[in-house]
N, C-alpha and C. Protein backbone atom coordinates (compact mmCIF):
# COMPACT_ATOMS: atom_id res chain seq x y z
N MET A 1 -280.42 28.02 42.52
CA MET A 1 -279.84 28.97 43.59
C MET A 1 -278.56 29.50 43.26
N TYR A 2 -278.41 30.66 43.04
CA TYR A 2 -277.19 31.46 42.85
C TYR A 2 -276.11 30.98 43.93
N THR A 3 -274.90 30.60 43.68
CA THR A 3 -273.58 30.28 44.52
C THR A 3 -272.74 31.48 44.47
N PRO A 4 -272.40 31.99 45.52
CA PRO A 4 -271.37 33.02 45.32
C PRO A 4 -269.97 32.48 44.98
N MET A 5 -269.13 33.00 44.20
CA MET A 5 -267.98 32.64 43.56
C MET A 5 -266.85 33.30 43.99
N SER A 6 -267.08 33.87 45.35
CA SER A 6 -265.85 34.62 45.85
C SER A 6 -264.40 33.84 46.09
N ASP A 7 -264.44 32.70 46.29
CA ASP A 7 -263.30 31.92 46.31
C ASP A 7 -262.59 31.83 44.86
N LEU A 8 -263.26 31.62 43.75
CA LEU A 8 -262.77 31.74 42.71
C LEU A 8 -262.35 33.07 42.31
N LYS A 9 -262.95 34.05 42.65
CA LYS A 9 -262.36 35.46 42.58
C LYS A 9 -261.21 35.82 43.09
N ASP A 10 -260.92 35.31 44.63
CA ASP A 10 -259.79 35.31 45.34
C ASP A 10 -258.75 34.57 44.49
N ALA A 11 -258.81 33.15 44.00
CA ALA A 11 -258.07 32.56 43.43
C ALA A 11 -257.43 33.24 41.85
N THR A 12 -258.42 34.21 41.34
CA THR A 12 -258.00 34.75 40.00
C THR A 12 -257.19 35.97 40.74
N LEU A 13 -257.30 36.47 41.62
CA LEU A 13 -256.75 37.58 42.32
C LEU A 13 -255.26 37.15 42.69
N ASP A 14 -255.07 36.09 43.24
CA ASP A 14 -253.91 35.41 43.87
C ASP A 14 -253.04 35.01 42.49
N HIS A 15 -253.63 34.45 41.53
CA HIS A 15 -253.15 34.01 40.33
C HIS A 15 -252.19 35.06 39.72
N ARG A 16 -253.02 36.27 39.56
CA ARG A 16 -252.56 37.50 38.85
C ARG A 16 -251.35 38.04 39.64
N ARG A 17 -251.60 38.18 41.05
CA ARG A 17 -250.44 38.72 41.93
C ARG A 17 -249.12 37.77 41.88
N ILE A 18 -249.28 36.50 41.73
CA ILE A 18 -248.08 35.66 41.66
C ILE A 18 -247.54 35.61 40.47
N HIS A 19 -248.25 35.42 39.16
CA HIS A 19 -247.81 35.30 37.92
C HIS A 19 -247.61 36.48 37.20
N GLY A 20 -248.11 37.78 37.66
CA GLY A 20 -247.96 38.99 37.04
C GLY A 20 -248.65 39.16 35.79
N CYS A 21 -249.51 38.34 35.52
CA CYS A 21 -250.11 38.38 34.36
C CYS A 21 -251.19 39.56 34.43
N GLY A 22 -251.60 40.21 33.64
CA GLY A 22 -252.20 41.60 33.76
C GLY A 22 -253.77 41.37 33.85
N SER A 23 -254.41 40.29 33.71
CA SER A 23 -255.84 39.96 33.52
C SER A 23 -256.45 40.46 35.08
N GLN A 24 -257.70 40.78 34.89
CA GLN A 24 -258.35 41.47 35.86
C GLN A 24 -259.69 40.65 35.93
N PRO A 25 -260.21 40.24 36.90
CA PRO A 25 -261.65 39.83 36.92
C PRO A 25 -262.73 40.97 36.91
N VAL A 26 -263.78 40.49 36.40
CA VAL A 26 -264.74 41.43 36.71
C VAL A 26 -264.83 41.93 38.19
N VAL A 27 -265.27 43.22 38.50
CA VAL A 27 -265.40 43.75 39.75
C VAL A 27 -266.14 42.79 40.60
N ASP A 28 -267.53 42.34 40.07
CA ASP A 28 -268.34 41.77 40.83
C ASP A 28 -269.22 40.84 39.85
N GLY A 29 -268.86 39.34 40.29
CA GLY A 29 -269.55 38.42 39.41
C GLY A 29 -271.21 38.35 39.61
N ALA A 30 -271.57 38.45 40.85
CA ALA A 30 -273.00 38.55 41.19
C ALA A 30 -273.75 39.72 40.41
N GLN A 31 -273.09 40.97 40.62
CA GLN A 31 -273.54 41.91 39.44
C GLN A 31 -273.64 41.65 38.09
N LEU A 32 -272.68 40.93 37.53
CA LEU A 32 -272.54 40.40 36.19
C LEU A 32 -273.69 39.69 35.95
N ALA A 33 -273.83 38.52 36.87
CA ALA A 33 -275.01 37.65 36.48
C ALA A 33 -276.48 38.44 36.69
N ALA A 34 -276.57 39.36 37.55
CA ALA A 34 -277.80 39.95 37.62
C ALA A 34 -278.06 40.79 36.41
N TRP A 35 -276.81 41.53 35.81
CA TRP A 35 -277.20 42.14 34.56
C TRP A 35 -277.71 41.27 33.56
N ALA A 36 -277.17 40.26 33.38
CA ALA A 36 -277.33 39.20 32.54
C ALA A 36 -278.84 38.57 32.67
N ILE A 37 -279.23 38.46 33.70
CA ILE A 37 -280.67 37.96 33.92
C ILE A 37 -281.72 38.95 33.80
N GLN A 38 -281.40 40.18 34.33
CA GLN A 38 -282.21 41.10 33.90
C GLN A 38 -282.47 41.50 32.51
N ALA A 39 -281.45 41.25 31.48
CA ALA A 39 -281.40 41.30 30.16
C ALA A 39 -282.21 40.14 29.62
N GLY A 40 -282.57 39.16 30.36
CA GLY A 40 -283.23 37.93 29.72
C GLY A 40 -282.27 37.11 29.14
N ALA A 41 -280.79 37.00 29.27
CA ALA A 41 -279.93 36.21 28.56
C ALA A 41 -279.96 35.04 29.03
N ARG A 42 -279.82 34.09 27.82
CA ARG A 42 -279.76 32.58 28.04
C ARG A 42 -278.60 31.94 27.36
N SER A 43 -277.89 33.06 26.50
CA SER A 43 -276.51 32.51 26.15
C SER A 43 -275.66 33.76 26.23
N ALA A 44 -274.18 33.50 26.14
CA ALA A 44 -273.36 34.67 26.40
C ALA A 44 -272.08 34.32 25.46
N VAL A 45 -271.49 35.10 25.11
CA VAL A 45 -270.11 34.99 24.38
C VAL A 45 -269.18 35.91 25.23
N GLU A 46 -267.93 35.67 25.51
CA GLU A 46 -267.05 36.20 26.34
C GLU A 46 -265.48 36.35 25.81
N ILE A 47 -265.06 37.29 25.90
CA ILE A 47 -263.77 37.38 25.38
C ILE A 47 -262.82 37.83 26.74
N GLY A 48 -262.06 36.82 27.14
CA GLY A 48 -261.14 37.16 28.23
C GLY A 48 -261.46 36.09 29.38
N THR A 49 -261.21 34.69 29.21
CA THR A 49 -261.73 33.69 30.21
C THR A 49 -260.90 33.80 31.53
N PHE A 50 -259.55 33.91 31.45
CA PHE A 50 -258.91 34.25 32.27
C PHE A 50 -259.02 32.79 33.26
N LEU A 51 -259.27 32.97 34.71
CA LEU A 51 -259.50 31.51 35.36
C LEU A 51 -261.05 31.23 35.38
N GLY A 52 -261.74 32.02 34.70
CA GLY A 52 -263.41 31.44 34.72
C GLY A 52 -264.15 32.15 35.48
N TYR A 53 -263.66 32.97 36.21
CA TYR A 53 -264.60 33.63 37.21
C TYR A 53 -265.80 34.27 36.56
N SER A 54 -265.77 35.18 35.61
CA SER A 54 -267.03 35.58 35.03
C SER A 54 -268.01 34.43 34.35
N ALA A 55 -267.25 33.50 33.48
CA ALA A 55 -267.92 32.33 32.84
C ALA A 55 -268.67 31.54 34.05
N ALA A 56 -268.20 31.29 35.14
CA ALA A 56 -268.68 30.41 36.23
C ALA A 56 -270.03 31.31 36.88
N CYS A 57 -269.90 32.67 36.99
CA CYS A 57 -271.00 33.35 37.48
C CYS A 57 -272.18 33.35 36.72
N LEU A 58 -271.77 33.54 35.23
CA LEU A 58 -272.98 33.63 34.23
C LEU A 58 -273.63 32.17 34.04
N ALA A 59 -272.71 30.86 34.21
CA ALA A 59 -273.35 29.83 34.16
C ALA A 59 -274.06 29.33 35.34
N ASN A 60 -273.58 29.87 36.42
CA ASN A 60 -274.09 29.40 37.73
C ASN A 60 -275.33 30.16 37.96
N ALA A 61 -275.87 31.05 36.95
CA ALA A 61 -277.18 31.69 36.79
C ALA A 61 -277.88 31.12 35.79
N GLY A 62 -277.58 30.22 35.26
CA GLY A 62 -278.26 29.40 34.13
C GLY A 62 -277.91 29.73 32.80
N ILE A 63 -276.98 30.36 32.55
CA ILE A 63 -276.66 30.89 31.12
C ILE A 63 -275.59 29.97 30.59
N LEU A 64 -275.87 29.87 29.30
CA LEU A 64 -274.64 28.97 28.49
C LEU A 64 -273.71 29.79 27.98
N VAL A 65 -272.48 29.74 28.07
CA VAL A 65 -271.27 30.64 27.91
C VAL A 65 -270.55 29.97 26.91
N GLN A 66 -269.96 30.89 25.87
CA GLN A 66 -268.77 30.36 24.91
C GLN A 66 -267.76 31.51 25.44
N THR A 67 -266.69 31.13 25.94
CA THR A 67 -265.63 31.86 26.44
C THR A 67 -264.38 31.65 25.64
N VAL A 68 -263.48 32.64 25.21
CA VAL A 68 -262.18 32.43 24.55
C VAL A 68 -260.98 33.30 25.20
N ASP A 69 -260.11 32.62 25.34
CA ASP A 69 -258.86 33.27 25.85
C ASP A 69 -257.68 32.95 24.97
N ARG A 70 -256.37 33.54 24.89
CA ARG A 70 -255.42 33.32 24.16
C ARG A 70 -254.37 32.45 24.82
N ASP A 71 -254.56 32.36 26.22
CA ASP A 71 -253.74 31.66 27.19
C ASP A 71 -254.11 30.40 27.24
N PRO A 72 -253.50 29.30 26.76
CA PRO A 72 -254.00 27.95 27.17
C PRO A 72 -253.81 27.57 28.54
N VAL A 73 -253.01 28.15 29.32
CA VAL A 73 -252.83 27.96 30.82
C VAL A 73 -254.10 28.32 31.42
N HIS A 74 -254.52 29.42 31.08
CA HIS A 74 -255.71 30.23 31.92
C HIS A 74 -257.06 29.39 31.35
N VAL A 75 -257.08 29.03 30.22
CA VAL A 75 -258.26 28.03 29.85
C VAL A 75 -258.22 26.82 30.33
N ALA A 76 -257.04 25.96 30.56
CA ALA A 76 -256.87 24.78 31.53
C ALA A 76 -257.35 25.16 32.94
N LEU A 77 -256.92 26.15 33.61
CA LEU A 77 -257.29 26.54 34.67
C LEU A 77 -258.79 26.91 35.05
N ALA A 78 -259.25 27.63 34.08
CA ALA A 78 -260.68 27.71 34.20
C ALA A 78 -261.54 26.42 34.13
N GLN A 79 -261.12 25.50 32.73
CA GLN A 79 -261.95 24.29 32.94
C GLN A 79 -261.75 23.59 34.18
N ARG A 80 -260.70 23.68 35.06
CA ARG A 80 -260.80 22.72 36.06
C ARG A 80 -261.73 23.49 37.27
N HIS A 81 -261.54 24.94 37.19
CA HIS A 81 -262.43 25.37 38.22
C HIS A 81 -264.03 25.35 37.93
N LEU A 82 -264.25 25.21 36.67
CA LEU A 82 -265.72 24.96 36.24
C LEU A 82 -266.04 23.64 36.60
N ASN A 83 -265.10 22.57 36.24
CA ASN A 83 -265.39 21.14 36.76
C ASN A 83 -265.68 21.10 38.18
N GLU A 84 -264.72 21.62 38.88
CA GLU A 84 -264.91 21.56 40.28
C GLU A 84 -266.36 22.23 40.84
N ARG A 85 -266.89 23.16 40.12
CA ARG A 85 -268.07 23.59 40.60
C ARG A 85 -269.40 23.01 39.86
N GLY A 86 -269.07 22.05 39.00
CA GLY A 86 -270.06 21.24 38.26
C GLY A 86 -270.75 22.16 37.10
N LEU A 87 -270.10 23.08 36.60
CA LEU A 87 -270.43 24.16 35.65
C LEU A 87 -269.84 23.82 34.22
N ALA A 88 -269.12 22.88 34.19
CA ALA A 88 -268.40 22.74 32.71
C ALA A 88 -269.33 22.21 31.57
N ASN A 89 -270.51 21.86 32.02
CA ASN A 89 -271.51 21.49 30.99
C ASN A 89 -272.29 22.69 30.55
N ARG A 90 -271.92 23.81 31.10
CA ARG A 90 -272.61 25.08 30.52
C ARG A 90 -271.91 26.05 29.98
N VAL A 91 -270.58 25.78 29.80
CA VAL A 91 -269.27 26.58 29.39
C VAL A 91 -268.34 26.00 28.36
N ASN A 92 -268.39 26.59 27.26
CA ASN A 92 -267.42 26.11 26.36
C ASN A 92 -266.32 26.90 26.25
N CYS A 93 -265.02 26.75 26.85
CA CYS A 93 -263.97 27.35 26.80
C CYS A 93 -262.95 27.00 25.50
N MET A 94 -262.49 28.07 25.02
CA MET A 94 -261.81 28.07 23.52
C MET A 94 -260.60 28.72 23.71
N THR A 95 -259.54 28.23 23.09
CA THR A 95 -258.40 28.76 23.03
C THR A 95 -257.90 29.36 21.84
N GLY A 96 -257.44 30.72 21.99
CA GLY A 96 -256.90 31.14 20.83
C GLY A 96 -257.19 32.77 20.52
N GLU A 97 -256.91 33.39 19.51
CA GLU A 97 -257.21 34.87 19.39
C GLU A 97 -258.77 35.13 19.14
N ALA A 98 -259.27 35.96 19.89
CA ALA A 98 -260.77 35.95 19.90
C ALA A 98 -261.32 36.25 18.65
N VAL A 99 -260.70 37.24 18.03
CA VAL A 99 -261.43 37.55 16.62
C VAL A 99 -261.38 36.50 15.59
N GLU A 100 -260.41 35.53 15.91
CA GLU A 100 -260.38 34.43 14.64
C GLU A 100 -261.61 33.25 15.33
N VAL A 101 -261.20 32.95 16.52
CA VAL A 101 -262.04 32.05 17.12
C VAL A 101 -263.41 32.42 17.33
N LEU A 102 -263.90 33.32 17.53
CA LEU A 102 -265.30 33.73 17.41
C LEU A 102 -265.98 34.17 16.26
N ALA A 103 -265.17 34.35 15.11
CA ALA A 103 -265.75 34.52 13.71
C ALA A 103 -266.28 33.28 13.35
N ASP A 104 -266.33 31.88 13.93
CA ASP A 104 -266.66 30.77 13.64
C ASP A 104 -268.23 30.73 14.09
N LEU A 105 -268.40 31.33 15.18
CA LEU A 105 -269.81 31.22 15.80
C LEU A 105 -270.94 31.73 14.94
N PRO A 106 -272.01 31.05 15.05
CA PRO A 106 -273.06 31.73 14.46
C PRO A 106 -273.49 33.14 14.65
N ALA A 107 -273.63 34.11 13.45
CA ALA A 107 -274.29 35.52 13.87
C ALA A 107 -275.64 35.66 14.55
N GLY A 108 -275.57 36.67 15.32
CA GLY A 108 -276.74 37.12 15.65
C GLY A 108 -277.54 36.21 16.73
N GLU A 109 -276.91 35.34 17.58
CA GLU A 109 -277.51 34.23 18.31
C GLU A 109 -277.45 34.55 19.67
N ALA A 110 -276.32 35.51 20.31
CA ALA A 110 -276.05 35.52 21.75
C ALA A 110 -276.91 36.57 22.27
N ASP A 111 -277.13 36.04 23.44
CA ASP A 111 -278.11 37.24 24.09
C ASP A 111 -277.20 38.22 24.86
N LEU A 112 -276.02 37.86 25.33
CA LEU A 112 -274.97 38.90 26.04
C LEU A 112 -273.72 38.36 25.21
N ALA A 113 -272.97 39.65 25.23
CA ALA A 113 -271.56 39.75 24.66
C ALA A 113 -270.61 40.46 25.72
N PHE A 114 -269.65 39.86 26.32
CA PHE A 114 -269.11 40.42 27.30
C PHE A 114 -267.56 40.51 26.99
N PHE A 115 -267.00 41.57 26.89
CA PHE A 115 -265.56 41.62 26.96
C PHE A 115 -264.86 41.83 28.21
N ASP A 116 -264.03 41.02 28.61
CA ASP A 116 -263.64 40.95 30.02
C ASP A 116 -261.97 40.63 29.99
N GLY A 117 -261.39 41.36 28.56
CA GLY A 117 -259.92 41.22 28.51
C GLY A 117 -259.35 42.34 29.07
N MET A 118 -258.05 42.57 28.58
CA MET A 118 -257.55 43.68 29.26
C MET A 118 -257.59 44.85 28.51
N GLU A 119 -257.15 44.79 27.09
CA GLU A 119 -257.12 46.04 26.39
C GLU A 119 -258.29 46.14 25.41
N VAL A 120 -259.52 46.63 25.31
CA VAL A 120 -260.48 46.62 24.28
C VAL A 120 -260.06 46.99 23.03
N SER A 121 -260.33 46.23 21.84
CA SER A 121 -260.07 46.72 20.44
C SER A 121 -261.36 46.70 19.63
N VAL A 122 -261.26 47.38 18.78
CA VAL A 122 -262.53 47.63 17.71
C VAL A 122 -262.87 46.24 17.24
N ALA A 123 -261.56 45.49 16.72
CA ALA A 123 -262.04 44.14 16.02
C ALA A 123 -262.55 43.12 17.23
N GLU A 124 -262.25 43.13 18.31
CA GLU A 124 -262.90 42.37 19.20
C GLU A 124 -264.52 42.93 19.42
N ILE A 125 -264.72 43.93 19.60
CA ILE A 125 -266.03 44.35 19.66
C ILE A 125 -266.76 44.27 18.36
N GLU A 126 -266.25 44.33 17.42
CA GLU A 126 -266.97 43.88 16.05
C GLU A 126 -267.29 42.46 16.02
N VAL A 127 -266.33 41.56 16.49
CA VAL A 127 -266.78 40.37 16.45
C VAL A 127 -267.87 39.86 17.49
N LEU A 128 -267.83 40.37 18.60
CA LEU A 128 -268.86 40.47 19.64
C LEU A 128 -270.27 41.00 19.18
N ALA A 129 -270.21 42.13 18.56
CA ALA A 129 -271.50 42.43 17.81
C ALA A 129 -272.06 41.60 16.75
N ARG A 130 -271.03 40.88 16.09
CA ARG A 130 -271.55 39.96 14.95
C ARG A 130 -272.17 38.85 15.76
N ALA A 131 -271.70 38.41 16.73
CA ALA A 131 -272.24 37.20 17.52
C ALA A 131 -273.66 37.65 18.27
N LEU A 132 -273.86 38.95 18.69
CA LEU A 132 -274.88 39.13 19.48
C LEU A 132 -276.35 39.33 18.62
N ARG A 133 -277.19 39.15 19.14
CA ARG A 133 -278.58 39.11 18.45
C ARG A 133 -279.03 40.45 18.65
N PRO A 134 -279.93 41.00 17.73
CA PRO A 134 -280.64 42.43 17.99
C PRO A 134 -281.24 42.76 19.29
N GLY A 135 -280.95 43.53 19.97
CA GLY A 135 -281.60 43.64 21.32
C GLY A 135 -280.71 43.07 22.38
N GLY A 136 -279.73 42.43 21.95
CA GLY A 136 -278.91 41.66 22.92
C GLY A 136 -277.97 42.89 23.79
N LEU A 137 -277.32 42.49 24.93
CA LEU A 137 -276.68 43.36 25.62
C LEU A 137 -275.15 43.05 25.60
N LEU A 138 -274.46 44.32 25.34
CA LEU A 138 -273.06 44.18 25.16
C LEU A 138 -272.53 44.83 26.57
N LEU A 139 -271.43 44.12 27.17
CA LEU A 139 -270.91 44.78 28.24
C LEU A 139 -269.73 44.61 28.24
N VAL A 140 -268.81 45.94 28.27
CA VAL A 140 -267.34 45.71 28.18
C VAL A 140 -266.54 46.32 29.56
N SER A 141 -266.00 45.32 30.07
CA SER A 141 -265.26 45.54 31.53
C SER A 141 -263.89 46.23 31.09
N ASN A 142 -263.40 46.82 31.95
CA ASN A 142 -261.99 47.34 31.75
C ASN A 142 -261.93 48.42 30.64
N VAL A 143 -263.24 49.05 30.67
CA VAL A 143 -263.26 49.91 29.41
C VAL A 143 -262.33 51.16 29.31
N LYS A 144 -261.66 51.47 30.20
CA LYS A 144 -260.85 52.57 30.31
C LYS A 144 -259.31 52.11 29.89
N LEU A 145 -259.18 50.95 29.53
CA LEU A 145 -257.87 50.46 29.11
C LEU A 145 -257.91 50.42 27.82
N GLY A 146 -256.59 50.49 27.23
CA GLY A 146 -256.36 50.19 25.70
C GLY A 146 -256.36 51.45 24.87
N SER A 147 -255.52 51.50 24.06
CA SER A 147 -255.34 52.60 23.03
C SER A 147 -256.59 52.74 22.14
N GLU A 148 -257.43 51.87 21.85
CA GLU A 148 -258.66 51.91 20.95
C GLU A 148 -259.85 52.04 21.91
N ALA A 149 -259.79 52.28 22.98
CA ALA A 149 -260.99 52.75 23.89
C ALA A 149 -262.11 53.79 23.29
N ALA A 150 -261.56 54.83 22.73
CA ALA A 150 -262.08 55.76 22.03
C ALA A 150 -262.87 55.18 20.79
N GLU A 151 -262.19 54.56 20.04
CA GLU A 151 -262.84 54.00 18.82
C GLU A 151 -263.79 52.97 19.13
N VAL A 152 -263.79 52.22 20.15
CA VAL A 152 -264.86 51.31 20.57
C VAL A 152 -266.00 52.04 20.85
N ARG A 153 -265.65 53.22 21.79
CA ARG A 153 -266.99 54.00 21.90
C ARG A 153 -267.75 54.70 20.67
N GLU A 154 -266.94 54.94 19.90
CA GLU A 154 -267.46 55.49 18.53
C GLU A 154 -268.15 54.38 17.80
N PHE A 155 -267.56 53.07 17.66
CA PHE A 155 -268.25 52.00 16.97
C PHE A 155 -269.74 51.59 17.59
N ILE A 156 -269.81 51.85 19.02
CA ILE A 156 -271.20 51.58 19.45
C ILE A 156 -271.91 52.94 19.88
N GLY A 157 -271.56 53.83 19.59
CA GLY A 157 -272.11 55.10 19.70
C GLY A 157 -273.68 55.17 19.37
N GLY A 158 -274.16 54.51 18.28
CA GLY A 158 -275.51 54.45 17.95
C GLY A 158 -276.34 53.55 18.86
N TRP A 159 -275.77 52.82 19.71
CA TRP A 159 -276.23 51.80 20.59
C TRP A 159 -276.79 52.17 21.81
N GLN A 160 -276.49 53.81 22.02
CA GLN A 160 -277.14 54.51 23.32
C GLN A 160 -276.27 53.88 24.41
N PRO A 161 -274.96 53.91 24.39
CA PRO A 161 -274.12 53.22 25.65
C PRO A 161 -274.18 53.94 26.62
N ARG A 162 -273.93 53.57 27.88
CA ARG A 162 -273.90 54.14 29.02
C ARG A 162 -272.47 53.49 29.98
N GLU A 163 -271.98 54.27 30.72
CA GLU A 163 -270.75 53.66 31.57
C GLU A 163 -271.29 53.72 33.05
N ASP A 164 -270.62 52.64 33.69
CA ASP A 164 -271.05 52.46 34.95
C ASP A 164 -269.52 52.10 35.70
N GLY A 165 -268.78 53.25 35.96
CA GLY A 165 -267.41 52.67 36.60
C GLY A 165 -266.59 52.23 35.38
N GLU A 166 -266.13 51.01 35.61
CA GLU A 166 -265.38 50.33 34.63
C GLU A 166 -266.02 49.63 33.70
N VAL A 167 -267.47 49.59 33.61
CA VAL A 167 -268.20 48.81 32.75
C VAL A 167 -268.91 49.71 31.84
N LEU A 168 -268.99 49.35 30.44
CA LEU A 168 -269.64 49.99 29.53
C LEU A 168 -271.00 49.15 29.09
N PHE A 169 -271.92 49.45 29.09
CA PHE A 169 -273.12 48.79 28.66
C PHE A 169 -273.95 49.40 27.48
N ALA A 170 -274.24 48.57 26.42
CA ALA A 170 -274.83 49.06 25.31
C ALA A 170 -275.95 47.86 24.56
N VAL A 171 -277.00 48.37 24.22
CA VAL A 171 -277.92 47.29 23.57
C VAL A 171 -277.97 47.40 21.97
N LYS A 172 -277.69 46.27 21.42
CA LYS A 172 -277.40 46.15 20.03
C LYS A 172 -278.88 46.57 19.39
N PRO A 173 -278.88 47.67 18.49
CA PRO A 173 -280.26 48.13 17.88
C PRO A 173 -280.59 46.99 16.87
N PRO A 174 -282.14 46.98 16.61
CA PRO A 174 -282.34 45.92 15.55
C PRO A 174 -281.72 45.72 14.23
N ARG A 175 -281.00 46.91 13.84
CA ARG A 175 -280.69 46.63 12.44
C ARG A 175 -279.00 47.13 12.61
N ALA A 176 -278.36 46.98 13.70
CA ALA A 176 -276.89 47.17 13.74
C ALA A 176 -275.91 45.99 13.31
N SER A 177 -274.80 46.54 12.85
CA SER A 177 -273.98 45.54 12.45
C SER A 177 -273.11 44.95 13.55
């Protein structure tokens, strides 16, 4: 049974306000989990752990998550929140630069790739695309932020992307890079 994570979303927003960090949680974690379930996702790769809200929502829906954040404080807080909710065994939290850390993951195995950082870059989308299986779903939150947003759209142009507010959706074609 899916458990709402509204308390974790509230903690995330409070942390953002108090510490002035720019991270923004996905607008609706239940919707994120529903998209993942609808896509048949069993595994996910995420860039932008922050306090673990998105990862917790996905893990709570039965999805195994690999998530990376460059801030070790955020990763430690995420691990604490995941432990408190009994979800730590479904989420691997990694610290470091996403492009470097995710390059070590097996290619083409993730069902869902999710960007939940602040400013999307082509390099980050490339590493997510590499991890994503053909037919897998790419979700990019905060898509309107960042100087490389137009280049990201161009990179996935052949994936038949569509946007819904702040989230961009695209399905990796059978022979995409």
